[in-house]
Amino acid sequence: MRFCRILFVLLSEQRRQNGLFSPVSCSARFLFHCCSSSKPRSSPPNCSEPLITGPYPSRLLEKAVQELTRLPGVGRKTALRYALYLLRQSPEVVHSFAQSLTDLRDHVSHCKICHNLSDHDICDICAANNRDRTQVCVVENVHSVMCIEQTGQYNGLYHVLGGIISPMDGIGPSDIELASLISRAEEGEIKEVILALSPTMEGDTTNFYISRRLAHLDLKISVIARGVSVGDGLEYTDEVTLGRSILGRTPLQS
């Protein structure tokens, strides 16, 4: 509040020196009033999305809004905006949109080998002949597969666990796809298992459990590198990440 009063005085002095003897602008007076008032000012209402509190003009519209609110992060106002947008589209567009959702739920399945999403019993990655079948990258979910594939730096196979061990959430080893991973490793074709799980307590617990279950096999078990992100300064890096970066340092190639 004291800073705002000083700013108000400086603005008035500047206008006086410039020969503007008229009162200060409304914005400056508003600033001074807001800083001087002891009562908190409420923020203006958001007029871009009107709040619907009354009945809907159509029961079908209300039903569509209720179904759209099932999506994560979608409230009633956003769902209403989506529903009204779909009503403005042509029937062909809406029917194609609805059919794509139906096909997604009815025809997309999981690969029998790696548990990745696929349109067939075996996904394209497991069926490809140009992939390195001696390496298997263990990930938590399908989104991790997509992220690693986008880098273009890995040419092996995958194994999707469908989750990680989390006793706090009631998720144990039997709740994720660990048995099939051990069966694949015992076949003898795999030479290296790359653990690419999130660097959290649950991820480290899952890494430790997998390494113990695969300890009797003659294969290499590795974990993806952890350290300072590219472009980040050391002063903004936490101690654990910086410590792991020092321990996991790599030789500099000239």
C-alpha atoms as a PDB file:
ATOM      1  CA  MET A   1       0.000   0.000   0.000  1.00  0.00           C
ATOM      2  CA  ARG A   2       2.867   2.367   0.813  1.00  0.00           C
ATOM      3  CA  PHE A   3       4.439   1.683  -2.576  1.00  0.00           C
ATOM      4  CA  CYS A   4       1.180   2.518  -4.343  1.00  0.00           C
ATOM      5  CA  ARG A   5       0.902   5.855  -2.521  1.00  0.00           C
ATOM      6  CA  ILE A   6       4.464   6.746  -3.524  1.00  0.00           C
ATOM      7  CA  LEU A   7       3.663   5.831  -7.111  1.00  0.00           C
ATOM      8  CA  PHE A   8       0.560   8.031  -6.983  1.00  0.00           C
ATOM      9  CA  VAL A   9       2.622  11.003  -5.737  1.00  0.00           C
ATOM     10  CA  LEU A  10       5.267  10.473  -8.442  1.00  0.00           C
ATOM     11  CA  LEU A  11       2.632  10.410 -11.161  1.00  0.00           C
ATOM     12  CA  SER A  12       1.114  13.643  -9.878  1.00  0.00           C
ATOM     13  CA  GLU A  13       4.544  15.332  -9.711  1.00  0.00           C
ATOM     14  CA  GLN A  14       5.383  14.239 -13.241  1.00  0.00           C
ATOM     15  CA  ARG A  15       2.161  15.664 -14.612  1.00  0.00           C
ATOM     16  CA  ARG A  16       2.805  18.972 -12.789  1.00  0.00           C
ATOM     17  CA  GLN A  17       6.319  19.267 -14.230  1.00  0.00           C
ATOM     18  CA  ASN A  18       4.995  18.609 -17.738  1.00  0.00           C
ATOM     19  CA  GLY A  19       2.521  21.459 -17.376  1.00  0.00           C
ATOM     20  CA  LEU A  20      -0.469  19.174 -16.978  1.00  0.00           C
ATOM     21  CA  PHE A  21      -2.269  20.676 -14.027  1.00  0.00           C
ATOM     22  CA  SER A  22      -5.388  18.623 -14.614  1.00  0.00           C
ATOM     23  CA  PRO A  23      -6.137  15.893 -12.141  1.00  0.00           C
ATOM     24  CA  VAL A  24      -4.296  12.643 -12.539  1.00  0.00           C
ATOM     25  CA  SER A  25      -5.697   9.938 -14.719  1.00  0.00           C
ATOM     26  CA  CYS A  26      -8.456   7.622 -13.650  1.00  0.00           C
ATOM     27  CA  SER A  27      -6.098   4.658 -13.660  1.00  0.00           C
ATOM     28  CA  ALA A  28      -3.836   6.327 -11.112  1.00  0.00           C
ATOM     29  CA  ARG A  29      -6.798   7.286  -8.920  1.00  0.00           C
ATOM     30  CA  PHE A  30      -8.104   3.751  -9.164  1.00  0.00           C
ATOM     31  CA  LEU A  31      -4.686   2.406  -8.168  1.00  0.00           C
ATOM     32  CA  PHE A  32      -4.552   4.724  -5.167  1.00  0.00           C
ATOM     33  CA  HIS A  33      -8.073   3.765  -4.144  1.00  0.00           C
ATOM     34  CA  CYS A  34      -7.364   0.045  -4.364  1.00  0.00           C
ATOM     35  CA  CYS A  35      -4.184   0.365  -2.317  1.00  0.00           C
ATOM     36  CA  SER A  36      -5.779   2.611   0.294  1.00  0.00           C
ATOM     37  CA  SER A  37      -8.900   0.573   0.834  1.00  0.00           C
ATOM     38  CA  SER A  38      -8.740  -1.900   3.650  1.00  0.00           C
ATOM     39  CA  LYS A  39     -11.535  -4.050   2.229  1.00  0.00           C
ATOM     40  CA  PRO A  40     -10.468  -6.709  -0.275  1.00  0.00           C
ATOM     41  CA  ARG A  41     -11.815  -6.108  -3.738  1.00  0.00           C
ATOM     42  CA  SER A  42     -13.487  -9.040  -5.396  1.00  0.00           C
ATOM     43  CA  SER A  43     -12.354  -9.985  -8.882  1.00  0.00           C
ATOM     44  CA  PRO A  44     -14.744  -9.188 -11.726  1.00  0.00           C
ATOM     45  CA  PRO A  45     -16.909 -12.082 -12.841  1.00  0.00           C
ATOM     46  CA  ASN A  46     -15.861 -14.042 -15.909  1.00  0.00           C
ATOM     47  CA  CYS A  47     -18.314 -13.030 -18.579  1.00  0.00           C
ATOM     48  CA  SER A  48     -16.837 -15.228 -21.317  1.00  0.00           C
ATOM     49  CA  GLU A  49     -18.584 -18.368 -20.027  1.00  0.00           C
ATOM     50  CA  PRO A  50     -22.015 -17.732 -18.485  1.00  0.00           C
ATOM     51  CA  LEU A  51     -22.895 -19.980 -15.596  1.00  0.00           C
ATOM     52  CA  ILE A  52     -25.957 -22.059 -16.402  1.00  0.00           C
ATOM     53  CA  THR A  53     -27.989 -22.534 -13.259  1.00  0.00           C
ATOM     54  CA  GLY A  54     -31.442 -22.959 -14.726  1.00  0.00           C
ATOM     55  CA  PRO A  55     -32.920 -25.873 -16.665  1.00  0.00           C
ATOM     56  CA  TYR A  56     -31.540 -26.759 -20.089  1.00  0.00           C
ATOM     57  CA  PRO A  57     -33.775 -26.107 -23.109  1.00  0.00           C
ATOM     58  CA  SER A  58     -33.321 -29.738 -24.188  1.00  0.00           C
ATOM     59  CA  ARG A  59     -32.970 -32.928 -22.204  1.00  0.00           C
ATOM     60  CA  LEU A  60     -30.727 -34.341 -24.917  1.00  0.00           C
ATOM     61  CA  LEU A  61     -28.415 -31.353 -24.542  1.00  0.00           C
ATOM     62  CA  GLU A  62     -28.295 -31.845 -20.784  1.00  0.00           C
ATOM     63  CA  LYS A  63     -27.529 -35.546 -21.272  1.00  0.00           C
ATOM     64  CA  ALA A  64     -24.680 -34.710 -23.668  1.00  0.00           C
ATOM     65  CA  VAL A  65     -23.245 -32.207 -21.187  1.00  0.00           C
ATOM     66  CA  GLN A  66     -23.354 -34.800 -18.412  1.00  0.00           C
ATOM     67  CA  GLU A  67     -21.518 -37.324 -20.573  1.00  0.00           C
ATOM     68  CA  LEU A  68     -18.854 -34.822 -21.629  1.00  0.00           C
ATOM     69  CA  THR A  69     -18.110 -33.991 -18.001  1.00  0.00           C
ATOM     70  CA  ARG A  70     -16.796 -37.552 -17.645  1.00  0.00           C
ATOM     71  CA  LEU A  71     -13.678 -36.441 -19.523  1.00  0.00           C
ATOM     72  CA  PRO A  72     -10.764 -35.402 -17.274  1.00  0.00           C
ATOM     73  CA  GLY A  73     -10.492 -31.666 -16.765  1.00  0.00           C
ATOM     74  CA  VAL A  74     -13.869 -30.896 -18.373  1.00  0.00           C
ATOM     75  CA  GLY A  75     -16.404 -29.057 -16.233  1.00  0.00           C
ATOM     76  CA  ARG A  76     -20.022 -28.270 -16.977  1.00  0.00           C
ATOM     77  CA  LYS A  77     -19.291 -24.944 -18.656  1.00  0.00           C
ATOM     78  CA  THR A  78     -16.643 -26.465 -20.924  1.00  0.00           C
ATOM     79  CA  ALA A  79     -18.877 -29.457 -21.646  1.00  0.00           C
ATOM     80  CA  LEU A  80     -21.718 -27.107 -22.600  1.00  0.00           C
ATOM     81  CA  ARG A  81     -19.434 -25.232 -24.966  1.00  0.00           C
ATOM     82  CA  TYR A  82     -18.363 -28.533 -26.583  1.00  0.00           C
ATOM     83  CA  ALA A  83     -21.975 -29.681 -26.923  1.00  0.00           C
ATOM     84  CA  LEU A  84     -23.099 -26.420 -28.525  1.00  0.00           C
ATOM     85  CA  TYR A  85     -20.128 -26.575 -30.889  1.00  0.00           C
ATOM     86  CA  LEU A  86     -21.106 -30.079 -32.001  1.00  0.00           C
ATOM     87  CA  LEU A  87     -24.665 -28.900 -32.622  1.00  0.00           C
ATOM     88  CA  ARG A  88     -23.356 -26.302 -35.049  1.00  0.00           C
ATOM     89  CA  GLN A  89     -21.485 -28.908 -37.084  1.00  0.00           C
ATOM     90  CA  SER A  90     -22.880 -30.916 -39.958  1.00  0.00           C
ATOM     91  CA  PRO A  91     -24.352 -34.366 -39.243  1.00  0.00           C
ATOM     92  CA  GLU A  92     -21.502 -36.029 -41.157  1.00  0.00           C
ATOM     93  CA  VAL A  93     -18.866 -34.457 -38.911  1.00  0.00           C
ATOM     94  CA  VAL A  94     -20.669 -35.381 -35.697  1.00  0.00           C
ATOM     95  CA  HIS A  95     -21.381 -38.937 -36.853  1.00  0.00           C
ATOM     96  CA  SER A  96     -17.744 -39.402 -37.874  1.00  0.00           C
ATOM     97  CA  PHE A  97     -16.624 -38.099 -34.489  1.00  0.00           C
ATOM     98  CA  ALA A  98     -18.967 -40.446 -32.640  1.00  0.00           C
ATOM     99  CA  GLN A  99     -17.981 -43.414 -34.814  1.00  0.00           C
ATOM    100  CA  SER A 100     -14.291 -42.829 -34.172  1.00  0.00           C
ATOM    101  CA  LEU A 101     -14.910 -42.990 -30.419  1.00  0.00           C
ATOM    102  CA  THR A 102     -16.915 -46.184 -30.813  1.00  0.00           C
ATOM    103  CA  ASP A 103     -14.210 -47.800 -32.943  1.00  0.00           C
ATOM    104  CA  LEU A 104     -11.588 -46.717 -30.425  1.00  0.00           C
ATOM    105  CA  ARG A 105     -13.342 -48.529 -27.616  1.00  0.00           C
ATOM    106  CA  ASP A 106     -14.456 -51.612 -29.554  1.00  0.00           C
ATOM    107  CA  HIS A 107     -11.498 -52.384 -31.821  1.00  0.00           C
ATOM    108  CA  VAL A 108      -8.329 -51.109 -30.123  1.00  0.00           C
ATOM    109  CA  SER A 109      -6.761 -53.860 -28.024  1.00  0.00           C
ATOM    110  CA  HIS A 110      -3.453 -54.651 -26.328  1.00  0.00           C
ATOM    111  CA  CYS A 111      -0.567 -56.481 -27.917  1.00  0.00           C
ATOM    112  CA  LYS A 112      -0.259 -60.056 -26.647  1.00  0.00           C
ATOM    113  CA  ILE A 113       3.524 -59.721 -26.405  1.00  0.00           C
ATOM    114  CA  CYS A 114       4.347 -56.256 -25.068  1.00  0.00           C
ATOM    115  CA  HIS A 115       0.849 -55.016 -24.008  1.00  0.00           C
ATOM    116  CA  ASN A 116       1.112 -51.920 -26.174  1.00  0.00           C
ATOM    117  CA  LEU A 117      -1.998 -50.582 -27.886  1.00  0.00           C
ATOM    118  CA  SER A 118      -2.629 -52.170 -31.248  1.00  0.00           C
ATOM    119  CA  ASP A 119      -5.290 -52.710 -33.879  1.00  0.00           C
ATOM    120  CA  HIS A 120      -4.285 -56.384 -34.114  1.00  0.00           C
ATOM    121  CA  ASP A 121      -3.198 -59.166 -31.777  1.00  0.00           C
ATOM    122  CA  ILE A 122       0.469 -58.175 -32.239  1.00  0.00           C
ATOM    123  CA  CYS A 123       1.507 -54.516 -32.479  1.00  0.00           C
ATOM    124  CA  ASP A 124       3.568 -53.099 -35.339  1.00  0.00           C
ATOM    125  CA  ILE A 125       6.685 -52.787 -33.176  1.00  0.00           C
ATOM    126  CA  CYS A 126       6.728 -56.440 -32.155  1.00  0.00           C
ATOM    127  CA  ALA A 127       5.908 -57.521 -35.707  1.00  0.00           C
ATOM    128  CA  ALA A 128       8.645 -55.422 -37.323  1.00  0.00           C
ATOM    129  CA  ASN A 129      11.663 -57.335 -38.628  1.00  0.00           C
ATOM    130  CA  ASN A 130      14.081 -54.408 -38.361  1.00  0.00           C
ATOM    131  CA  ARG A 131      13.835 -54.045 -34.563  1.00  0.00           C
ATOM    132  CA  ASP A 132      16.575 -55.213 -32.216  1.00  0.00           C
ATOM    133  CA  ARG A 133      14.978 -58.157 -30.427  1.00  0.00           C
ATOM    134  CA  THR A 134      17.810 -58.486 -27.916  1.00  0.00           C
ATOM    135  CA  GLN A 135      16.712 -55.286 -26.119  1.00  0.00           C
ATOM    136  CA  VAL A 136      13.492 -54.714 -24.217  1.00  0.00           C
ATOM    137  CA  CYS A 137      12.600 -51.324 -22.779  1.00  0.00           C
ATOM    138  CA  VAL A 138      10.276 -51.581 -19.777  1.00  0.00           C
ATOM    139  CA  VAL A 139       7.884 -48.628 -19.459  1.00  0.00           C
ATOM    140  CA  GLU A 140       4.925 -47.755 -17.282  1.00  0.00           C
ATOM    141  CA  ASN A 141       2.280 -46.967 -19.893  1.00  0.00           C
ATOM    142  CA  VAL A 142       1.606 -46.557 -23.592  1.00  0.00           C
ATOM    143  CA  HIS A 143       2.331 -42.825 -23.473  1.00  0.00           C
ATOM    144  CA  SER A 144       5.925 -43.611 -22.477  1.00  0.00           C
ATOM    145  CA  VAL A 145       6.290 -45.778 -25.586  1.00  0.00           C
ATOM    146  CA  MET A 146       5.136 -42.904 -27.763  1.00  0.00           C
ATOM    147  CA  CYS A 147       7.583 -40.495 -26.093  1.00  0.00           C
ATOM    148  CA  ILE A 148      10.574 -42.803 -26.554  1.00  0.00           C
ATOM    149  CA  GLU A 149       9.634 -43.590 -30.155  1.00  0.00           C
ATOM    150  CA  GLN A 150       9.456 -39.873 -30.892  1.00  0.00           C
ATOM    151  CA  THR A 151      13.143 -39.493 -29.992  1.00  0.00           C
ATOM    152  CA  GLY A 152      14.221 -41.896 -32.750  1.00  0.00           C
ATOM    153  CA  GLN A 153      17.120 -43.114 -30.570  1.00  0.00           C
ATOM    154  CA  TYR A 154      15.806 -46.567 -29.671  1.00  0.00           C
ATOM    155  CA  ASN A 155      15.272 -49.498 -32.032  1.00  0.00           C
ATOM    156  CA  GLY A 156      14.474 -52.333 -29.657  1.00  0.00           C
ATOM    157  CA  LEU A 157      11.263 -53.803 -28.294  1.00  0.00           C
ATOM    158  CA  TYR A 158       9.059 -52.665 -25.414  1.00  0.00           C
ATOM    159  CA  HIS A 159       7.183 -54.074 -22.476  1.00  0.00           C
ATOM    160  CA  VAL A 160       4.331 -52.026 -21.015  1.00  0.00           C
ATOM    161  CA  LEU A 161       3.707 -52.757 -17.342  1.00  0.00           C
ATOM    162  CA  GLY A 162       0.418 -50.889 -17.178  1.00  0.00           C
ATOM    163  CA  GLY A 163       1.418 -49.265 -13.891  1.00  0.00           C
ATOM    164  CA  ILE A 164       4.077 -49.315 -11.180  1.00  0.00           C
ATOM    165  CA  ILE A 165       4.268 -50.836  -7.725  1.00  0.00           C
ATOM    166  CA  SER A 166       2.641 -48.475  -5.243  1.00  0.00           C
ATOM    167  CA  PRO A 167       1.705 -49.936  -1.834  1.00  0.00           C
ATOM    168  CA  MET A 168       0.030 -46.660  -0.843  1.00  0.00           C
ATOM    169  CA  ASP A 169      -2.386 -47.058  -3.756  1.00  0.00           C
ATOM    170  CA  GLY A 170      -2.834 -50.796  -3.236  1.00  0.00           C
ATOM    171  CA  ILE A 171      -0.919 -51.732  -6.403  1.00  0.00           C
ATOM    172  CA  GLY A 172       1.302 -54.769  -5.978  1.00  0.00           C
ATOM    173  CA  PRO A 173       3.486 -56.842  -8.333  1.00  0.00           C
ATOM    174  CA  SER A 174       0.523 -59.029  -9.279  1.00  0.00           C
ATOM    175  CA  ASP A 175      -1.449 -55.987 -10.491  1.00  0.00           C
ATOM    176  CA  ILE A 176       0.969 -55.110 -13.302  1.00  0.00           C
ATOM    177  CA  GLU A 177       2.390 -57.060 -16.240  1.00  0.00           C
ATOM    178  CA  LEU A 178       5.467 -58.511 -14.524  1.00  0.00           C
ATOM    179  CA  ALA A 179       4.858 -62.220 -15.064  1.00  0.00           C
ATOM    180  CA  SER A 180       4.858 -61.833 -18.845  1.00  0.00           C
ATOM    181  CA  LEU A 181       8.073 -59.794 -18.670  1.00  0.00           C
ATOM    182  CA  ILE A 182       9.839 -62.555 -16.743  1.00  0.00           C
ATOM    183  CA  SER A 183       8.525 -65.133 -19.216  1.00  0.00           C
ATOM    184  CA  ARG A 184       9.906 -63.135 -22.134  1.00  0.00           C
ATOM    185  CA  ALA A 185      13.274 -62.785 -20.434  1.00  0.00           C
ATOM    186  CA  GLU A 186      13.478 -66.508 -19.681  1.00  0.00           C
ATOM    187  CA  GLU A 187      13.063 -67.382 -23.360  1.00  0.00           C
ATOM    188  CA  GLY A 188      16.723 -66.476 -23.894  1.00  0.00           C
ATOM    189  CA  GLU A 189      16.456 -64.106 -26.845  1.00  0.00           C
ATOM    190  CA  ILE A 190      16.633 -60.950 -24.724  1.00  0.00           C
ATOM    191  CA  LYS A 191      20.135 -59.808 -23.738  1.00  0.00           C
ATOM    192  CA  GLU A 192      19.356 -56.437 -22.115  1.00  0.00           C
ATOM    193  CA  VAL A 193      16.415 -55.084 -20.138  1.00  0.00           C
ATOM    194  CA  ILE A 194      16.231 -51.281 -20.048  1.00  0.00           C
ATOM    195  CA  LEU A 195      14.179 -49.900 -17.173  1.00  0.00           C
ATOM    196  CA  ALA A 196      12.606 -46.610 -18.292  1.00  0.00           C
ATOM    197  CA  LEU A 197      10.284 -45.827 -15.398  1.00  0.00           C
ATOM    198  CA  SER A 198       9.649 -42.474 -13.756  1.00  0.00           C
ATOM    199  CA  PRO A 199      12.358 -41.389 -11.256  1.00  0.00           C
ATOM    200  CA  THR A 200       9.990 -41.519  -8.293  1.00  0.00           C
ATOM    201  CA  MET A 201       9.892 -43.629  -5.157  1.00  0.00           C
ATOM    202  CA  GLU A 202       7.351 -45.948  -6.773  1.00  0.00           C
ATOM    203  CA  GLY A 203       9.403 -46.143  -9.960  1.00  0.00           C
ATOM    204  CA  ASP A 204      12.595 -46.966  -8.059  1.00  0.00           C
ATOM    205  CA  THR A 205      10.728 -49.614  -6.069  1.00  0.00           C
ATOM    206  CA  THR A 206       9.511 -51.216  -9.280  1.00  0.00           C
ATOM    207  CA  ASN A 207      13.029 -51.088 -10.755  1.00  0.00           C
ATOM    208  CA  PHE A 208      14.452 -52.808  -7.683  1.00  0.00           C
ATOM    209  CA  TYR A 209      11.772 -55.498  -7.728  1.00  0.00           C
ATOM    210  CA  ILE A 210      12.285 -56.236 -11.427  1.00  0.00           C
ATOM    211  CA  SER A 211      16.060 -56.442 -11.004  1.00  0.00           C
ATOM    212  CA  ARG A 212      15.640 -58.941  -8.162  1.00  0.00           C
ATOM    213  CA  ARG A 213      13.248 -61.088 -10.185  1.00  0.00           C
ATOM    214  CA  LEU A 214      15.628 -61.127 -13.158  1.00  0.00           C
ATOM    215  CA  ALA A 215      18.838 -61.588 -11.162  1.00  0.00           C
ATOM    216  CA  HIS A 216      19.037 -65.329 -11.931  1.00  0.00           C
ATOM    217  CA  LEU A 217      19.159 -64.717 -15.674  1.00  0.00           C
ATOM    218  CA  ASP A 218      22.278 -63.975 -17.688  1.00  0.00           C
ATOM    219  CA  LEU A 219      21.286 -60.601 -19.087  1.00  0.00           C
ATOM    220  CA  LYS A 220      22.151 -56.934 -18.678  1.00  0.00           C
ATOM    221  CA  ILE A 221      19.798 -54.753 -16.619  1.00  0.00           C
ATOM    222  CA  SER A 222      20.181 -51.010 -17.121  1.00  0.00           C
ATOM    223  CA  VAL A 223      18.322 -47.858 -16.113  1.00  0.00           C
ATOM    224  CA  ILE A 224      17.888 -44.771 -18.269  1.00  0.00           C
ATOM    225  CA  ALA A 225      20.236 -41.906 -17.404  1.00  0.00           C
ATOM    226  CA  ARG A 226      19.057 -39.339 -14.892  1.00  0.00           C
ATOM    227  CA  GLY A 227      20.508 -35.905 -14.487  1.00  0.00           C
ATOM    228  CA  VAL A 228      20.374 -32.245 -15.382  1.00  0.00           C
ATOM    229  CA  SER A 229      18.061 -31.406 -18.249  1.00  0.00           C
ATOM    230  CA  VAL A 230      19.507 -29.918 -21.408  1.00  0.00           C
ATOM    231  CA  GLY A 231      19.483 -26.124 -21.166  1.00  0.00           C
ATOM    232  CA  ASP A 232      18.969 -25.948 -17.398  1.00  0.00           C
ATOM    233  CA  GLY A 233      21.380 -24.194 -15.042  1.00  0.00           C
ATOM    234  CA  LEU A 234      22.961 -25.976 -12.103  1.00  0.00           C
ATOM    235  CA  GLU A 235      21.677 -23.361  -9.667  1.00  0.00           C
ATOM    236  CA  TYR A 236      18.102 -24.395 -10.490  1.00  0.00           C
ATOM    237  CA  THR A 237      18.734 -28.142 -10.071  1.00  0.00           C
ATOM    238  CA  ASP A 238      17.822 -29.937  -6.858  1.00  0.00           C
ATOM    239  CA  GLU A 239      20.457 -31.774  -4.842  1.00  0.00           C
ATOM    240  CA  VAL A 240      19.208 -35.286  -5.646  1.00  0.00           C
ATOM    241  CA  THR A 241      19.194 -34.709  -9.402  1.00  0.00           C
ATOM    242  CA  LEU A 242      22.587 -33.012  -9.341  1.00  0.00           C
ATOM    243  CA  GLY A 243      24.028 -35.825  -7.232  1.00  0.00           C
ATOM    244  CA  ARG A 244      22.741 -38.448  -9.645  1.00  0.00           C
ATOM    245  CA  SER A 245      24.216 -36.486 -12.531  1.00  0.00           C
ATOM    246  CA  ILE A 246      27.658 -36.552 -10.920  1.00  0.00           C
ATOM    247  CA  LEU A 247      27.457 -40.259 -10.105  1.00  0.00           C
ATOM    248  CA  GLY A 248      26.183 -41.097 -13.567  1.00  0.00           C
ATOM    249  CA  ARG A 249      28.693 -38.962 -15.477  1.00  0.00           C
ATOM    250  CA  THR A 250      29.797 -40.118 -18.919  1.00  0.00           C
ATOM    251  CA  PRO A 251      33.137 -39.739 -20.720  1.00  0.00           C
ATOM    252  CA  LEU A 252      33.435 -36.702 -22.975  1.00  0.00           C
ATOM    253  CA  GLN A 253      33.786 -37.708 -26.580  1.00  0.00           C
ATOM    254  CA  SER A 254      35.870 -35.381 -28.712  1.00  0.00           C
END
